[in-house]
Amino acid sequence: MVAVGDDMEMSLRVAKEAKSPGAVSGEIDVKLWRWRDVVTFLLFLAGFTAVGSSLAIISKNLFGASGYYVRILMWSPAFAAVTTAAVAGRSLGDFGWHWGRWKWQIQAWLVPLLYVAIAYCLIWSLGLGGVPNHEFLAKAANQVSLPVSDGVAAALLIVFAATIGLLNFSGALGEEIGWRGFVVPAFYQLTRGNFTATALMSGIVWAVWHAPIIFLSSYNNPGVSRLYSFSWFVLLILASATIDAWYRLRSGSLWTAVILHTSHNLYLQSIFTPLTSDTGRTQYFIDEFGAILPIIMLLFAIYFWAKRGELAAVQTN
């Protein structure tokens, strides 16, 4: 059984045999995942991913077809997890659909803002990138189409992106059903509550999954070596996997991971990166493929890793 702290809302009872249903102690009812279920997931993941990746690689544009290529790709982990659950005879409810406590969802919204803001303030203050990007301001004014200054228009877009933009969570949901709905709980259970192993293994799967579109498509910083981009991206993904796994297990809710993922993408791709102007070698330092954000996220990951004692250890009857 997974014992929990006072604030933790996920409580799992693990059965001795894979066919025996788990008793409920809290809000999630699961059975024992097996390593062969993980293998099944990885095989289905490879198959479903091949569709979106092939389209992105052949077109050389991950965001081609009005963004449908990347949507197909982002939903491949969900398709793999749902299919795995069907093959294993598991309920989709095992993925953690309950909302959980509001404090975890609010933190999931704010934590990415904090680490992205710290990273970009460093980039701007060190002269590694400029601010503001006047092209972004002009584009914002054109999109807002109100009788206000470019700066006010940009501020409005930023507020909209950071709030209403969260409603555009479908892509993140597709990934998170796979990564934090299936992979993290399964690894955490199979490693008997070893959070370090869970975070590392889920991060490795997540990073490898991204590799084809980084090396063979357009998911990278322009003008920068793809190997350089991938190296920093792996560090960022391992850090993100640690943060996301901690919140998923601490809250017991898949939605915490969805909000983390959506917020991360919004703050980075819709706000801070567009706000930054290129000063010559800026592409080596910004976004998920530059040097600064992965380092900041690593520090955040270490903080949450140090708090792993708050997570319950898995005890198999």
Protein backbone atom coordinates (compact mmCIF):
# COMPACT_ATOMS: atom_id res chain seq x y z
CA MET A 1 0.00 0.00 0.00
CA VAL A 2 1.14 3.55 -0.64
CA ALA A 3 0.98 5.49 2.59
CA VAL A 4 0.49 9.21 2.14
CA GLY A 5 1.16 12.42 3.98
CA ASP A 6 -1.60 14.63 5.37
CA ASP A 7 -1.80 16.72 2.19
CA MET A 8 -1.22 14.03 -0.38
CA GLU A 9 -4.36 12.93 -2.15
CA MET A 10 -3.15 9.82 -3.93
CA SER A 11 -3.38 6.56 -2.01
CA LEU A 12 -2.84 3.27 -3.80
CA ARG A 13 -3.24 -0.27 -2.53
CA VAL A 14 -1.12 -2.71 -4.54
CA ALA A 15 -2.37 -6.27 -4.84
CA LYS A 16 -0.12 -9.30 -4.54
CA GLU A 17 -1.13 -10.61 -7.91
CA ALA A 18 -1.53 -8.59 -11.09
CA LYS A 19 -5.06 -9.90 -11.55
CA SER A 20 -6.21 -8.81 -8.13
CA PRO A 21 -7.83 -5.35 -8.01
CA GLY A 22 -6.38 -2.78 -5.68
CA ALA A 23 -8.46 -1.55 -2.77
CA VAL A 24 -9.18 2.13 -2.64
CA SER A 25 -7.72 4.31 0.09
CA GLY A 26 -8.42 7.77 -1.24
CA GLU A 27 -9.53 8.73 -4.72
CA ILE A 28 -7.60 6.46 -7.12
CA ASP A 29 -8.23 2.76 -7.69
CA VAL A 30 -5.49 0.92 -9.54
CA LYS A 31 -4.14 -2.57 -10.02
CA LEU A 32 -0.55 -3.62 -10.13
CA TRP A 33 1.22 -2.52 -13.29
CA ARG A 34 3.76 -4.99 -14.65
CA TRP A 35 6.99 -4.43 -16.54
CA ARG A 36 5.43 -6.07 -19.56
CA ASP A 37 2.82 -3.29 -19.52
CA VAL A 38 5.67 -0.80 -19.79
CA VAL A 39 7.10 -2.72 -22.74
CA THR A 40 3.64 -2.78 -24.33
CA PHE A 41 3.36 0.98 -23.87
CA LEU A 42 6.77 1.60 -25.43
CA LEU A 43 5.92 -0.53 -28.46
CA PHE A 44 2.61 1.24 -29.01
CA LEU A 45 4.33 4.58 -28.39
CA ALA A 46 6.87 3.87 -31.13
CA GLY A 47 4.11 2.97 -33.55
CA PHE A 48 1.86 5.94 -32.87
CA THR A 49 4.81 8.35 -32.72
CA ALA A 50 6.02 7.21 -36.14
CA VAL A 51 2.96 8.79 -37.75
CA GLY A 52 3.43 12.33 -36.46
CA SER A 53 7.22 12.18 -36.58
CA SER A 54 7.24 10.99 -40.19
CA LEU A 55 5.02 13.86 -41.26
CA ALA A 56 7.20 16.37 -39.39
CA ILE A 57 10.44 14.89 -40.74
CA ILE A 58 9.32 14.59 -44.37
CA SER A 59 7.92 18.13 -44.37
CA LYS A 60 10.87 19.46 -42.33
CA ASN A 61 8.28 21.40 -40.36
CA LEU A 62 6.99 20.12 -37.02
CA PHE A 63 4.26 22.77 -37.03
CA GLY A 64 3.16 22.11 -40.61
CA ALA A 65 -0.43 21.56 -41.77
CA SER A 66 -1.65 24.36 -39.49
CA GLY A 67 -0.16 22.61 -36.46
CA TYR A 68 -1.81 19.24 -37.01
CA TYR A 69 1.52 17.40 -37.32
CA VAL A 70 2.56 18.40 -33.83
CA ARG A 71 -0.93 17.62 -32.48
CA ILE A 72 -0.77 14.11 -33.89
CA LEU A 73 2.65 13.69 -32.32
CA MET A 74 1.65 15.09 -28.93
CA TRP A 75 -1.30 12.72 -28.69
CA SER A 76 0.75 9.61 -29.44
CA PRO A 77 1.63 9.05 -25.72
CA ALA A 78 -2.09 9.21 -24.88
CA PHE A 79 -2.99 6.72 -27.61
CA ALA A 80 -0.23 4.41 -26.39
CA ALA A 81 -1.33 4.65 -22.74
CA VAL A 82 -5.01 4.09 -23.52
CA THR A 83 -4.21 1.12 -25.75
CA THR A 84 -1.91 -0.34 -23.11
CA ALA A 85 -4.63 -0.02 -20.49
CA ALA A 86 -7.07 -1.78 -22.81
CA VAL A 87 -4.65 -4.64 -23.47
CA ALA A 88 -3.91 -4.99 -19.74
CA GLY A 89 -7.59 -4.80 -18.81
CA ARG A 90 -7.15 -1.64 -16.75
CA SER A 91 -9.50 1.23 -16.16
CA LEU A 92 -8.71 4.63 -17.67
CA GLY A 93 -9.54 5.97 -14.24
CA ASP A 94 -6.11 4.72 -13.12
CA PHE A 95 -4.54 7.72 -14.87
CA GLY A 96 -5.54 10.20 -12.15
CA TRP A 97 -8.43 12.21 -13.56
CA HIS A 98 -9.66 13.72 -10.29
CA TRP A 99 -8.83 17.40 -9.85
CA GLY A 100 -7.17 17.28 -6.44
CA ARG A 101 -6.47 20.28 -4.24
CA TRP A 102 -6.46 23.72 -5.78
CA LYS A 103 -3.11 24.61 -4.21
CA TRP A 104 -1.33 22.08 -6.42
CA GLN A 105 -2.99 23.41 -9.58
CA ILE A 106 -2.12 27.01 -8.66
CA GLN A 107 1.48 26.04 -7.99
CA ALA A 108 1.56 24.19 -11.32
CA TRP A 109 0.55 27.45 -12.99
CA LEU A 110 3.11 29.60 -11.15
CA VAL A 111 6.23 27.39 -10.87
CA PRO A 112 6.97 27.47 -14.64
CA LEU A 113 6.52 31.26 -14.61
CA LEU A 114 9.08 31.49 -11.83
CA TYR A 115 11.82 29.40 -13.45
CA VAL A 116 11.26 30.85 -16.94
CA ALA A 117 11.28 34.42 -15.59
CA ILE A 118 14.52 33.81 -13.67
CA ALA A 119 16.19 32.32 -16.73
CA TYR A 120 15.20 35.15 -19.06
CA CYS A 121 16.04 37.88 -16.56
CA LEU A 122 19.53 36.39 -16.50
CA ILE A 123 19.65 36.28 -20.30
CA TRP A 124 18.58 39.92 -20.58
CA SER A 125 20.78 41.22 -17.76
CA LEU A 126 23.88 39.43 -19.09
CA GLY A 127 23.30 40.77 -22.60
CA LEU A 128 22.79 37.30 -24.03
CA GLY A 129 19.53 38.50 -25.52
CA GLY A 130 17.80 41.85 -25.82
CA VAL A 131 14.42 43.04 -24.55
CA PRO A 132 11.99 44.04 -25.84
CA ASN A 133 11.82 42.55 -29.30
CA HIS A 134 10.26 45.35 -31.34
CA GLU A 135 9.02 42.91 -33.97
CA PHE A 136 7.00 41.18 -31.26
CA LEU A 137 5.59 44.51 -30.08
CA ALA A 138 4.55 45.49 -33.61
CA LYS A 139 2.96 42.09 -34.19
CA ALA A 140 1.12 42.37 -30.88
CA ALA A 141 -0.27 45.78 -31.82
CA ASN A 142 -1.52 44.38 -35.13
CA GLN A 143 -3.18 41.39 -33.45
CA VAL A 144 -4.82 43.40 -30.65
CA SER A 145 -6.10 46.06 -33.07
CA LEU A 146 -6.95 48.54 -30.32
CA PRO A 147 -6.01 52.25 -30.10
CA VAL A 148 -3.20 51.57 -27.63
CA SER A 149 0.58 51.68 -27.77
CA ASP A 150 2.63 48.69 -28.91
CA GLY A 151 3.74 48.06 -25.35
CA VAL A 152 0.21 48.02 -23.97
CA ALA A 153 -0.89 45.72 -26.78
CA ALA A 154 1.97 43.34 -25.97
CA ALA A 155 1.06 43.45 -22.27
CA LEU A 156 -2.53 42.53 -23.10
CA LEU A 157 -1.39 39.58 -25.20
CA ILE A 158 0.89 38.41 -22.42
CA VAL A 159 -1.92 38.54 -19.85
CA PHE A 160 -4.24 36.66 -22.22
CA ALA A 161 -1.60 34.02 -22.92
CA ALA A 162 -0.83 33.46 -19.23
CA THR A 163 -4.50 33.11 -18.25
CA ILE A 164 -6.96 32.33 -21.02
CA GLY A 165 -4.16 30.55 -22.87
CA LEU A 166 -4.33 27.77 -20.28
CA LEU A 167 -7.59 26.67 -21.87
CA ASN A 168 -5.57 25.54 -24.88
CA PHE A 169 -4.32 22.49 -23.03
CA SER A 170 -5.24 19.76 -25.51
CA GLY A 171 -1.70 19.15 -26.75
CA ALA A 172 -0.25 18.95 -23.25
CA LEU A 173 -3.10 16.66 -22.19
CA GLY A 174 -2.19 14.24 -24.98
CA GLU A 175 1.38 13.95 -23.77
CA GLU A 176 0.55 13.93 -20.08
CA ILE A 177 -1.93 11.06 -20.29
CA GLY A 178 1.08 9.03 -21.40
CA TRP A 179 3.92 10.51 -19.35
CA ARG A 180 2.29 11.33 -16.03
CA GLY A 181 -0.93 9.36 -16.41
CA PHE A 182 0.76 6.03 -17.10
CA VAL A 183 4.57 6.19 -17.10
CA VAL A 184 5.25 7.95 -13.80
CA PRO A 185 2.73 6.01 -11.65
CA ALA A 186 3.82 2.74 -13.26
CA PHE A 187 7.54 3.36 -12.70
CA TYR A 188 6.92 4.62 -9.17
CA GLN A 189 4.99 1.48 -8.34
CA LEU A 190 7.36 -0.91 -10.09
CA THR A 191 10.41 0.61 -8.37
CA ARG A 192 8.63 0.39 -5.00
CA GLY A 193 8.49 4.13 -4.47
CA ASN A 194 11.96 5.03 -5.77
CA PHE A 195 11.37 8.60 -6.86
CA THR A 196 14.88 9.10 -8.25
CA ALA A 197 14.55 6.09 -10.55
CA THR A 198 11.03 7.13 -11.54
CA ALA A 199 12.09 10.66 -12.49
CA LEU A 200 15.18 9.52 -14.39
CA MET A 201 13.50 6.72 -16.31
CA SER A 202 10.47 8.79 -17.26
CA GLY A 203 12.77 11.64 -18.29
CA ILE A 204 14.88 9.38 -20.48
CA VAL A 205 11.79 8.03 -22.26
CA TRP A 206 10.52 11.59 -22.72
CA ALA A 207 13.86 12.84 -24.10
CA VAL A 208 14.34 9.93 -26.52
CA TRP A 209 10.78 10.45 -27.78
CA HIS A 210 11.73 14.02 -28.80
CA ALA A 211 15.02 13.07 -30.48
CA PRO A 212 13.75 12.44 -34.05
CA ILE A 213 12.04 15.84 -34.38
CA ILE A 214 15.08 17.62 -32.95
CA PHE A 215 17.63 15.96 -35.23
CA LEU A 216 15.50 15.49 -38.34
CA SER A 217 12.80 18.17 -38.25
CA SER A 218 12.45 21.80 -37.15
CA TYR A 219 12.23 21.44 -33.36
CA ASN A 220 15.44 23.27 -32.39
CA ASN A 221 16.97 26.72 -32.26
CA PRO A 222 17.88 28.01 -35.74
CA GLY A 223 21.55 28.37 -36.55
CA VAL A 224 22.64 26.13 -33.69
CA SER A 225 24.08 22.63 -33.85
CA ARG A 226 21.35 20.04 -33.37
CA LEU A 227 23.63 18.08 -31.06
CA TYR A 228 24.12 21.23 -28.96
CA SER A 229 20.35 21.78 -28.90
CA PHE A 230 19.63 18.18 -27.94
CA SER A 231 22.26 18.13 -25.20
CA TRP A 232 20.69 21.07 -23.36
CA PHE A 233 17.22 19.79 -24.11
CA VAL A 234 17.98 16.45 -22.43
CA LEU A 235 19.06 18.28 -19.27
CA LEU A 236 15.89 20.38 -19.39
CA ILE A 237 13.69 17.31 -19.90
CA LEU A 238 15.28 15.42 -17.01
CA ALA A 239 14.74 18.44 -14.78
CA SER A 240 11.17 18.88 -16.00
CA ALA A 241 10.47 15.17 -15.53
CA THR A 242 11.58 15.47 -11.90
CA ILE A 243 9.40 18.50 -11.21
CA ASP A 244 6.39 17.07 -13.01
CA ALA A 245 6.71 13.64 -11.41
CA TRP A 246 6.91 15.18 -7.95
CA TYR A 247 3.74 17.20 -8.50
CA ARG A 248 1.92 14.28 -10.12
CA LEU A 249 2.66 11.99 -7.19
CA ARG A 250 2.21 14.63 -4.51
CA SER A 251 -1.15 15.82 -5.82
CA GLY A 252 -2.43 12.50 -7.12
CA SER A 253 -3.84 14.40 -10.09
CA LEU A 254 -3.01 14.17 -13.78
CA TRP A 255 -4.30 17.73 -14.17
CA THR A 256 -1.39 19.12 -12.15
CA ALA A 257 1.00 17.79 -14.79
CA VAL A 258 -1.22 19.10 -17.61
CA ILE A 259 -1.16 22.59 -16.11
CA LEU A 260 2.61 22.43 -15.57
CA HIS A 261 3.18 21.38 -19.17
CA THR A 262 0.74 23.93 -20.62
CA SER A 263 2.11 26.77 -18.49
CA HIS A 264 5.71 25.92 -19.38
CA ASN A 265 4.93 26.04 -23.10
CA LEU A 266 2.90 29.24 -22.83
CA TYR A 267 5.40 31.24 -20.79
CA LEU A 268 8.29 30.10 -22.92
CA GLN A 269 6.90 29.97 -26.45
CA SER A 270 4.27 32.72 -26.29
CA ILE A 271 5.83 35.25 -23.93
CA PHE A 272 9.50 35.21 -22.98
CA THR A 273 11.12 33.87 -26.15
CA PRO A 274 9.13 36.20 -28.46
CA LEU A 275 9.97 39.12 -26.16
CA THR A 276 13.70 38.46 -26.62
CA SER A 277 15.65 39.97 -29.50
CA ASP A 278 18.72 38.33 -31.01
CA THR A 279 21.98 40.05 -30.09
CA GLY A 280 24.20 37.75 -32.14
CA ARG A 281 24.51 34.46 -30.24
CA THR A 282 21.18 34.56 -28.45
CA GLN A 283 20.02 31.23 -29.91
CA TYR A 284 22.71 29.49 -27.89
CA PHE A 285 21.11 30.63 -24.64
CA ILE A 286 17.33 30.94 -25.03
CA ASP A 287 14.41 28.56 -25.09
CA GLU A 288 14.54 24.83 -24.35
CA PHE A 289 17.65 24.32 -26.49
CA GLY A 290 19.85 27.05 -25.03
CA ALA A 291 22.09 26.89 -21.99
CA ILE A 292 20.30 29.05 -19.42
CA LEU A 293 16.83 27.63 -18.84
CA PRO A 294 17.99 23.99 -18.41
CA ILE A 295 20.41 25.07 -15.67
CA ILE A 296 17.73 27.03 -13.81
CA MET A 297 15.29 24.14 -14.14
CA LEU A 298 17.95 21.74 -12.85
CA LEU A 299 18.18 23.82 -9.67
CA PHE A 300 14.39 23.64 -9.31
CA ALA A 301 14.53 19.89 -9.91
CA ILE A 302 17.13 19.44 -7.18
CA TYR A 303 14.83 21.32 -4.80
CA PHE A 304 11.90 19.01 -5.54
CA TRP A 305 14.11 15.93 -5.50
CA ALA A 306 15.20 16.93 -1.99
CA LYS A 307 11.52 16.94 -1.04
CA ARG A 308 10.98 13.37 -2.23
CA GLY A 309 10.54 12.30 1.39
CA GLU A 310 7.08 13.87 1.24
CA LEU A 311 6.07 11.20 -1.25
CA ALA A 312 4.92 7.89 0.05
CA ALA A 313 6.99 4.77 -0.46
CA VAL A 314 5.34 1.85 -2.23
CA GLN A 315 4.80 -1.17 -0.03
CA THR A 316 3.69 -4.37 -1.73
CA ASN A 317 1.58 -6.69 0.37
